[in-house]
Protein backbone atom coordinates (compact mmCIF):
# COMPACT_ATOMS: atom_id res chain seq x y z
CA MET A 1 53.02 -10.06 37.63
CA LEU A 2 49.80 -8.01 37.84
CA ALA A 3 51.74 -4.95 38.95
CA GLU A 4 54.11 -5.34 35.98
CA ASN A 5 51.17 -5.61 33.58
CA ILE A 6 49.58 -2.51 35.06
CA GLN A 7 52.92 -0.68 34.82
CA THR A 8 53.31 -1.69 31.17
CA TRP A 9 49.75 -0.67 30.34
CA ALA A 10 50.23 2.70 32.08
CA GLU A 11 53.43 3.34 30.14
CA GLN A 12 51.72 2.44 26.84
CA GLU A 13 48.82 4.77 27.61
CA GLN A 14 51.19 7.57 28.54
CA HIS A 15 53.08 7.11 25.27
CA LYS A 16 49.81 7.05 23.33
CA GLY A 17 48.73 10.29 25.05
CA ARG A 18 52.01 11.97 24.17
CA GLU A 19 51.67 10.90 20.52
CA GLU A 20 48.11 12.21 20.37
CA GLY A 21 49.24 15.48 21.94
CA LEU A 22 52.06 15.88 19.44
CA GLN A 23 49.70 15.22 16.54
CA GLU A 24 47.20 17.78 17.87
CA GLY A 25 50.00 20.31 18.35
CA GLU A 26 51.25 19.73 14.85
CA ARG A 27 47.75 20.22 13.43
CA LEU A 28 47.31 23.44 15.37
CA GLY A 29 50.63 24.66 14.02
CA LEU A 30 49.59 23.87 10.47
CA GLU A 31 46.28 25.62 10.98
CA LYS A 32 48.08 28.70 12.30
CA THR A 33 50.36 28.69 9.26
CA ALA A 34 47.32 28.32 7.00
CA ARG A 35 45.58 31.24 8.74
CA ASN A 36 48.68 33.39 8.25
CA LEU A 37 48.78 32.48 4.54
CA ILE A 38 45.07 33.19 4.23
CA SER A 39 45.55 36.63 5.78
CA LEU A 40 48.17 37.43 3.15
CA ASN A 41 45.51 36.82 0.51
CA ALA A 42 48.20 35.92 -2.03
CA LEU A 43 47.58 32.16 -2.43
CA THR A 44 44.66 29.99 -3.44
CA ASP A 45 43.18 27.45 -1.07
CA GLU A 46 44.78 24.73 -3.17
CA GLN A 47 48.22 26.32 -2.81
CA ILE A 48 47.79 26.71 0.96
CA ALA A 49 46.64 23.09 1.21
CA GLN A 50 49.70 21.97 -0.71
CA ALA A 51 52.01 24.05 1.47
CA THR A 52 50.55 22.85 4.79
CA GLY A 53 49.37 19.34 4.02
CA LEU A 54 45.86 20.24 5.17
CA SER A 55 42.91 19.45 2.90
CA VAL A 56 41.37 22.06 0.62
CA GLU A 57 38.17 21.62 2.62
CA ASP A 58 40.03 22.41 5.86
CA ILE A 59 41.51 25.54 4.26
CA ALA A 60 38.07 26.64 3.06
CA LYS A 61 36.70 26.25 6.60
CA LEU A 62 39.59 28.26 8.02
CA ARG A 63 39.05 30.95 5.37
CA ASP A 64 35.36 31.12 6.27
CA GLU A 65 36.25 31.44 9.97
CA GLU A 66 38.75 34.20 9.22
CA GLN A 67 36.24 36.12 7.13
CA GLY A 68 33.66 35.75 9.89
CA ASP A 69 36.05 37.41 12.34
CA HIS A 70 36.22 40.63 10.34
């Protein structure tokens, strides 16, 4: 019984870790898309936020980071 509980817990934790990894990967992909859109300099922060689902504040931070790189 204890071994089954440990097995179940381990499987749940593994699933949780995969979900967190997928969410982080998705966020990184959205940030990369936002950075690409920022580099085009054709859209406002609001438009980029709408296109990516990131917040306007996140876009502004990414824009600041991009401008700091140059």
